[in-house]
Amino acid sequence: MFDAQSPAELDAILKSDGEIRALYQRHQELDRQVIDAELGVKPVDDTTLARLKREKLRAKDRLTRLCGSAAGS
């Protein structure tokens, strides 16, 4: 997500919209939690890991919709 944007473009997007910024930060936190769980750094059960992955996907989907609608404005 946001791989096509330069760091400056990403920074501008995040500064321009508080909802996108908060959702992006939440997605990043969930990503860290999922990676830690998969590597065994933070032991979690399978149900919790599945919940984290679903929540991360929902955040990504919401970001995609928000950024798509912002680009169309």
PDB file of N, CA and C in Angstrom:
ATOM      1  N   MET A   1       0.840  -1.165   0.000  1.00  0.00           N
ATOM      2  CA  MET A   1       0.000   0.000   0.000  1.00  0.00           C
ATOM      3  C   MET A   1       0.887   1.230   0.000  1.00  0.00           C
ATOM      4  N   PHE A   2       0.542   2.208  -0.797  1.00  0.00           N
ATOM      5  CA  PHE A   2       1.293   3.445  -0.942  1.00  0.00           C
ATOM      6  C   PHE A   2       2.690   3.200  -1.518  1.00  0.00           C
ATOM      7  N   ASP A   3       2.923   2.039  -2.118  1.00  0.00           N
ATOM      8  CA  ASP A   3       4.240   1.743  -2.680  1.00  0.00           C
ATOM      9  C   ASP A   3       4.552   2.630  -3.877  1.00  0.00           C
ATOM     10  N   ALA A   4       3.523   3.074  -4.595  1.00  0.00           N
ATOM     11  CA  ALA A   4       3.737   3.881  -5.800  1.00  0.00           C
ATOM     12  C   ALA A   4       4.074   5.337  -5.455  1.00  0.00           C
ATOM     13  N   GLN A   5       3.791   5.760  -4.227  1.00  0.00           N
ATOM     14  CA  GLN A   5       4.041   7.138  -3.829  1.00  0.00           C
ATOM     15  C   GLN A   5       5.469   7.305  -3.313  1.00  0.00           C
ATOM     16  N   SER A   6       6.013   8.457  -3.604  1.00  0.00           N
ATOM     17  CA  SER A   6       7.312   8.803  -3.029  1.00  0.00           C
ATOM     18  C   SER A   6       7.093   9.138  -1.556  1.00  0.00           C
ATOM     19  N   PRO A   7       8.151   9.142  -0.765  1.00  0.00           N
ATOM     20  CA  PRO A   7       7.994   9.528   0.646  1.00  0.00           C
ATOM     21  C   PRO A   7       7.359  10.913   0.806  1.00  0.00           C
ATOM     22  N   ALA A   8       7.698  11.837  -0.084  1.00  0.00           N
ATOM     23  CA  ALA A   8       7.128  13.188  -0.007  1.00  0.00           C
ATOM     24  C   ALA A   8       5.628  13.162  -0.295  1.00  0.00           C
ATOM     25  N   GLU A   9       5.214  12.368  -1.290  1.00  0.00           N
ATOM     26  CA  GLU A   9       3.789  12.259  -1.613  1.00  0.00           C
ATOM     27  C   GLU A   9       3.030  11.607  -0.463  1.00  0.00           C
ATOM     28  N   LEU A  10       3.594  10.555   0.105  1.00  0.00           N
ATOM     29  CA  LEU A  10       2.950   9.886   1.234  1.00  0.00           C
ATOM     30  C   LEU A  10       2.814  10.852   2.406  1.00  0.00           C
ATOM     31  N   ASP A  11       3.854  11.609   2.684  1.00  0.00           N
ATOM     32  CA  ASP A  11       3.818  12.582   3.767  1.00  0.00           C
ATOM     33  C   ASP A  11       2.713  13.611   3.530  1.00  0.00           C
ATOM     34  N   ALA A  12       2.581  14.080   2.298  1.00  0.00           N
ATOM     35  CA  ALA A  12       1.544  15.064   1.965  1.00  0.00           C
ATOM     36  C   ALA A  12       0.152  14.478   2.161  1.00  0.00           C
ATOM     37  N   ILE A  13      -0.038  13.231   1.746  1.00  0.00           N
ATOM     38  CA  ILE A  13      -1.336  12.568   1.921  1.00  0.00           C
ATOM     39  C   ILE A  13      -1.666  12.459   3.404  1.00  0.00           C
ATOM     40  N   LEU A  14      -0.699  12.017   4.189  1.00  0.00           N
ATOM     41  CA  LEU A  14      -0.941  11.805   5.616  1.00  0.00           C
ATOM     42  C   LEU A  14      -1.167  13.121   6.352  1.00  0.00           C
ATOM     43  N   LYS A  15      -0.502  14.182   5.925  1.00  0.00           N
ATOM     44  CA  LYS A  15      -0.697  15.483   6.561  1.00  0.00           C
ATOM     45  C   LYS A  15      -2.026  16.121   6.180  1.00  0.00           C
ATOM     46  N   SER A  16      -2.529  15.793   4.995  1.00  0.00           N
ATOM     47  CA  SER A  16      -3.729  16.453   4.485  1.00  0.00           C
ATOM     48  C   SER A  16      -5.026  15.891   5.058  1.00  0.00           C
ATOM     49  N   ASP A  17      -4.991  14.687   5.597  1.00  0.00           N
ATOM     50  CA  ASP A  17      -6.234  14.057   6.048  1.00  0.00           C
ATOM     51  C   ASP A  17      -6.001  13.285   7.342  1.00  0.00           C
ATOM     52  N   GLY A  18      -6.609  13.764   8.416  1.00  0.00           N
ATOM     53  CA  GLY A  18      -6.438  13.135   9.724  1.00  0.00           C
ATOM     54  C   GLY A  18      -6.976  11.719   9.787  1.00  0.00           C
ATOM     55  N   GLU A  19      -8.089  11.471   9.091  1.00  0.00           N
ATOM     56  CA  GLU A  19      -8.661  10.118   9.104  1.00  0.00           C
ATOM     57  C   GLU A  19      -7.720   9.132   8.404  1.00  0.00           C
ATOM     58  N   ILE A  20      -7.192   9.552   7.271  1.00  0.00           N
ATOM     59  CA  ILE A  20      -6.254   8.684   6.547  1.00  0.00           C
ATOM     60  C   ILE A  20      -5.003   8.455   7.392  1.00  0.00           C
ATOM     61  N   ARG A  21      -4.499   9.504   8.024  1.00  0.00           N
ATOM     62  CA  ARG A  21      -3.301   9.384   8.861  1.00  0.00           C
ATOM     63  C   ARG A  21      -3.524   8.386   9.998  1.00  0.00           C
ATOM     64  N   ALA A  22      -4.651   8.523  10.702  1.00  0.00           N
ATOM     65  CA  ALA A  22      -4.945   7.626  11.826  1.00  0.00           C
ATOM     66  C   ALA A  22      -5.102   6.181  11.346  1.00  0.00           C
ATOM     67  N   LEU A  23      -5.783   6.010  10.232  1.00  0.00           N
ATOM     68  CA  LEU A  23      -5.997   4.665   9.695  1.00  0.00           C
ATOM     69  C   LEU A  23      -4.678   4.059   9.215  1.00  0.00           C
ATOM     70  N   TYR A  24      -3.827   4.875   8.598  1.00  0.00           N
ATOM     71  CA  TYR A  24      -2.516   4.406   8.142  1.00  0.00           C
ATOM     72  C   TYR A  24      -1.668   3.967   9.343  1.00  0.00           C
ATOM     73  N   GLN A  25      -1.670   4.774  10.393  1.00  0.00           N
ATOM     74  CA  GLN A  25      -0.906   4.425  11.592  1.00  0.00           C
ATOM     75  C   GLN A  25      -1.437   3.143  12.228  1.00  0.00           C
ATOM     76  N   ARG A  26      -2.753   2.981  12.242  1.00  0.00           N
ATOM     77  CA  ARG A  26      -3.350   1.750  12.787  1.00  0.00           C
ATOM     78  C   ARG A  26      -2.936   0.546  11.945  1.00  0.00           C
ATOM     79  N   HIS A  27      -2.964   0.701  10.625  1.00  0.00           N
ATOM     80  CA  HIS A  27      -2.564  -0.384   9.734  1.00  0.00           C
ATOM     81  C   HIS A  27      -1.109  -0.765   9.980  1.00  0.00           C
ATOM     82  N   GLN A  28      -0.241   0.239  10.145  1.00  0.00           N
ATOM     83  CA  GLN A  28       1.171  -0.035  10.404  1.00  0.00           C
ATOM     84  C   GLN A  28       1.355  -0.786  11.725  1.00  0.00           C
ATOM     85  N   GLU A  29       0.625  -0.390  12.754  1.00  0.00           N
ATOM     86  CA  GLU A  29       0.696  -1.069  14.055  1.00  0.00           C
ATOM     87  C   GLU A  29       0.220  -2.518  13.935  1.00  0.00           C
ATOM     88  N   LEU A  30      -0.880  -2.733  13.236  1.00  0.00           N
ATOM     89  CA  LEU A  30      -1.384  -4.095  13.037  1.00  0.00           C
ATOM     90  C   LEU A  30      -0.372  -4.932  12.256  1.00  0.00           C
ATOM     91  N   ASP A  31       0.265  -4.320  11.260  1.00  0.00           N
ATOM     92  CA  ASP A  31       1.275  -5.023  10.475  1.00  0.00           C
ATOM     93  C   ASP A  31       2.418  -5.483  11.378  1.00  0.00           C
ATOM     94  N   ARG A  32       2.877  -4.594  12.261  1.00  0.00           N
ATOM     95  CA  ARG A  32       3.952  -4.974  13.196  1.00  0.00           C
ATOM     96  C   ARG A  32       3.509  -6.122  14.106  1.00  0.00           C
ATOM     97  N   GLN A  33       2.269  -6.059  14.585  1.00  0.00           N
ATOM     98  CA  GLN A  33       1.765  -7.106  15.475  1.00  0.00           C
ATOM     99  C   GLN A  33       1.681  -8.448  14.756  1.00  0.00           C
ATOM    100  N   VAL A  34       1.212  -8.434  13.512  1.00  0.00           N
ATOM    101  CA  VAL A  34       1.104  -9.673  12.737  1.00  0.00           C
ATOM    102  C   VAL A  34       2.496 -10.252  12.482  1.00  0.00           C
ATOM    103  N   ILE A  35       3.422  -9.409  12.076  1.00  0.00           N
ATOM    104  CA  ILE A  35       4.788  -9.883  11.819  1.00  0.00           C
ATOM    105  C   ILE A  35       5.400 -10.459  13.096  1.00  0.00           C
ATOM    106  N   ASP A  36       5.266  -9.749  14.207  1.00  0.00           N
ATOM    107  CA  ASP A  36       5.801 -10.246  15.480  1.00  0.00           C
ATOM    108  C   ASP A  36       5.191 -11.594  15.854  1.00  0.00           C
ATOM    109  N   ALA A  37       3.892 -11.733  15.631  1.00  0.00           N
ATOM    110  CA  ALA A  37       3.217 -12.993  15.957  1.00  0.00           C
ATOM    111  C   ALA A  37       3.717 -14.120  15.054  1.00  0.00           C
ATOM    112  N   GLU A  38       3.853 -13.832  13.762  1.00  0.00           N
ATOM    113  CA  GLU A  38       4.308 -14.861  12.824  1.00  0.00           C
ATOM    114  C   GLU A  38       5.761 -15.275  13.074  1.00  0.00           C
ATOM    115  N   LEU A  39       6.561 -14.348  13.552  1.00  0.00           N
ATOM    116  CA  LEU A  39       7.965 -14.672  13.846  1.00  0.00           C
ATOM    117  C   LEU A  39       8.152 -15.294  15.230  1.00  0.00           C
ATOM    118  N   GLY A  40       7.090 -15.286  16.025  1.00  0.00           N
ATOM    119  CA  GLY A  40       7.175 -15.845  17.363  1.00  0.00           C
ATOM    120  C   GLY A  40       7.707 -14.870  18.398  1.00  0.00           C
ATOM    121  N   VAL A  41       7.907 -13.608  18.001  1.00  0.00           N
ATOM    122  CA  VAL A  41       8.380 -12.584  18.929  1.00  0.00           C
ATOM    123  C   VAL A  41       7.306 -12.295  19.974  1.00  0.00           C
ATOM    124  N   LYS A  42       6.070 -12.268  19.504  1.00  0.00           N
ATOM    125  CA  LYS A  42       4.928 -12.021  20.383  1.00  0.00           C
ATOM    126  C   LYS A  42       3.980 -13.212  20.230  1.00  0.00           C
ATOM    127  N   PRO A  43       4.040 -14.140  21.147  1.00  0.00           N
ATOM    128  CA  PRO A  43       3.187 -15.318  20.996  1.00  0.00           C
ATOM    129  C   PRO A  43       1.705 -14.981  21.143  1.00  0.00           C
ATOM    130  N   VAL A  44       0.940 -15.379  20.142  1.00  0.00           N
ATOM    131  CA  VAL A  44      -0.514 -15.222  20.175  1.00  0.00           C
ATOM    132  C   VAL A  44      -1.137 -16.502  19.639  1.00  0.00           C
ATOM    133  N   ASP A  45      -2.364 -16.732  20.028  1.00  0.00           N
ATOM    134  CA  ASP A  45      -3.045 -17.923  19.530  1.00  0.00           C
ATOM    135  C   ASP A  45      -3.553 -17.687  18.105  1.00  0.00           C
ATOM    136  N   ASP A  46      -3.933 -18.759  17.450  1.00  0.00           N
ATOM    137  CA  ASP A  46      -4.362 -18.678  16.046  1.00  0.00           C
ATOM    138  C   ASP A  46      -5.577 -17.782  15.866  1.00  0.00           C
ATOM    139  N   THR A  47      -6.487 -17.801  16.817  1.00  0.00           N
ATOM    140  CA  THR A  47      -7.687 -16.972  16.726  1.00  0.00           C
ATOM    141  C   THR A  47      -7.321 -15.493  16.767  1.00  0.00           C
ATOM    142  N   THR A  48      -6.433 -15.125  17.647  1.00  0.00           N
ATOM    143  CA  THR A  48      -6.000 -13.729  17.761  1.00  0.00           C
ATOM    144  C   THR A  48      -5.255 -13.296  16.512  1.00  0.00           C
ATOM    145  N   LEU A  49      -4.396 -14.151  15.995  1.00  0.00           N
ATOM    146  CA  LEU A  49      -3.663 -13.833  14.776  1.00  0.00           C
ATOM    147  C   LEU A  49      -4.636 -13.627  13.609  1.00  0.00           C
ATOM    148  N   ALA A  50      -5.610 -14.482  13.492  1.00  0.00           N
ATOM    149  CA  ALA A  50      -6.605 -14.339  12.425  1.00  0.00           C
ATOM    150  C   ALA A  50      -7.378 -13.026  12.577  1.00  0.00           C
ATOM    151  N   ARG A  51      -7.708 -12.653  13.805  1.00  0.00           N
ATOM    152  CA  ARG A  51      -8.425 -11.396  14.050  1.00  0.00           C
ATOM    153  C   ARG A  51      -7.559 -10.204  13.656  1.00  0.00           C
ATOM    154  N   LEU A  52      -6.283 -10.241  14.022  1.00  0.00           N
ATOM    155  CA  LEU A  52      -5.368  -9.160  13.663  1.00  0.00           C
ATOM    156  C   LEU A  52      -5.261  -9.019  12.139  1.00  0.00           C
ATOM    157  N   LYS A  53      -5.160 -10.137  11.451  1.00  0.00           N
ATOM    158  CA  LYS A  53      -5.062 -10.101   9.990  1.00  0.00           C
ATOM    159  C   LYS A  53      -6.326  -9.546   9.355  1.00  0.00           C
ATOM    160  N   ARG A  54      -7.492  -9.931   9.892  1.00  0.00           N
ATOM    161  CA  ARG A  54      -8.760  -9.399   9.360  1.00  0.00           C
ATOM    162  C   ARG A  54      -8.852  -7.896   9.585  1.00  0.00           C
ATOM    163  N   GLU A  55      -8.474  -7.457  10.773  1.00  0.00           N
ATOM    164  CA  GLU A  55      -8.529  -6.032  11.087  1.00  0.00           C
ATOM    165  C   GLU A  55      -7.558  -5.244  10.201  1.00  0.00           C
ATOM    166  N   LYS A  56      -6.385  -5.792   9.978  1.00  0.00           N
ATOM    167  CA  LYS A  56      -5.396  -5.154   9.104  1.00  0.00           C
ATOM    168  C   LYS A  56      -5.943  -5.039   7.679  1.00  0.00           C
ATOM    169  N   LEU A  57      -6.581  -6.082   7.183  1.00  0.00           N
ATOM    170  CA  LEU A  57      -7.158  -6.066   5.845  1.00  0.00           C
ATOM    171  C   LEU A  57      -8.285  -5.044   5.747  1.00  0.00           C
ATOM    172  N   ARG A  58      -9.128  -4.964   6.781  1.00  0.00           N
ATOM    173  CA  ARG A  58     -10.202  -3.959   6.778  1.00  0.00           C
ATOM    174  C   ARG A  58      -9.617  -2.551   6.738  1.00  0.00           C
ATOM    175  N   ALA A  59      -8.544  -2.320   7.485  1.00  0.00           N
ATOM    176  CA  ALA A  59      -7.900  -1.001   7.479  1.00  0.00           C
ATOM    177  C   ALA A  59      -7.344  -0.694   6.093  1.00  0.00           C
ATOM    178  N   LYS A  60      -6.716  -1.673   5.467  1.00  0.00           N
ATOM    179  CA  LYS A  60      -6.159  -1.475   4.128  1.00  0.00           C
ATOM    180  C   LYS A  60      -7.261  -1.186   3.117  1.00  0.00           C
ATOM    181  N   ASP A  61      -8.348  -1.938   3.181  1.00  0.00           N
ATOM    182  CA  ASP A  61      -9.470  -1.717   2.273  1.00  0.00           C
ATOM    183  C   ASP A  61     -10.045  -0.316   2.451  1.00  0.00           C
ATOM    184  N   ARG A  62     -10.194   0.105   3.698  1.00  0.00           N
ATOM    185  CA  ARG A  62     -10.731   1.447   3.987  1.00  0.00           C
ATOM    186  C   ARG A  62      -9.770   2.521   3.468  1.00  0.00           C
ATOM    187  N   LEU A  63      -8.475   2.340   3.674  1.00  0.00           N
ATOM    188  CA  LEU A  63      -7.492   3.291   3.154  1.00  0.00           C
ATOM    189  C   LEU A  63      -7.563   3.385   1.634  1.00  0.00           C
ATOM    190  N   THR A  64      -7.693   2.252   0.988  1.00  0.00           N
ATOM    191  CA  THR A  64      -7.783   2.223  -0.466  1.00  0.00           C
ATOM    192  C   THR A  64      -8.992   3.006  -0.938  1.00  0.00           C
ATOM    193  N   ARG A  65     -10.130   2.803  -0.274  1.00  0.00           N
ATOM    194  CA  ARG A  65     -11.351   3.540  -0.652  1.00  0.00           C
ATOM    195  C   ARG A  65     -11.190   5.037  -0.394  1.00  0.00           C
ATOM    196  N   LEU A  66     -10.643   5.398   0.774  1.00  0.00           N
ATOM    197  CA  LEU A  66     -10.472   6.811   1.103  1.00  0.00           C
ATOM    198  C   LEU A  66      -9.511   7.512   0.148  1.00  0.00           C
ATOM    199  N   CYS A  67      -8.425   6.858  -0.161  1.00  0.00           N
ATOM    200  CA  CYS A  67      -7.442   7.466  -1.054  1.00  0.00           C
ATOM    201  C   CYS A  67      -7.965   7.539  -2.484  1.00  0.00           C
ATOM    202  N   GLY A  68      -8.747   6.567  -2.870  1.00  0.00           N
ATOM    203  CA  GLY A  68      -9.346   6.601  -4.201  1.00  0.00           C
ATOM    204  C   GLY A  68     -10.359   7.721  -4.326  1.00  0.00           C
ATOM    205  N   SER A  69     -11.158   7.933  -3.285  1.00  0.00           N
ATOM    206  CA  SER A  69     -12.146   9.000  -3.344  1.00  0.00           C
ATOM    207  C   SER A  69     -11.477  10.360  -3.212  1.00  0.00           C
ATOM    208  N   ALA A  70     -10.368  10.436  -2.471  1.00  0.00           N
ATOM    209  CA  ALA A  70      -9.642  11.698  -2.328  1.00  0.00           C
ATOM    210  C   ALA A  70      -8.987  12.079  -3.661  1.00  0.00           C
ATOM    211  N   ALA A  71      -8.513  11.085  -4.394  1.00  0.00           N
ATOM    212  CA  ALA A  71      -7.869  11.347  -5.675  1.00  0.00           C
ATOM    213  C   ALA A  71      -8.891  11.808  -6.717  1.00  0.00           C
ATOM    214  N   GLY A  72     -10.112  11.343  -6.576  1.00  0.00           N
ATOM    215  CA  GLY A  72     -11.154  11.721  -7.517  1.00  0.00           C
ATOM    216  C   GLY A  72     -11.749  13.082  -7.249  1.00  0.00           C
ATOM    217  N   SER A  73     -11.424  13.691  -6.101  1.00  0.00           N
ATOM    218  CA  SER A  73     -11.996  15.000  -5.751  1.00  0.00           C
ATOM    219  C   SER A  73     -11.379  16.112  -6.539  1.00  0.00           C
TER     220      SER A  73
END
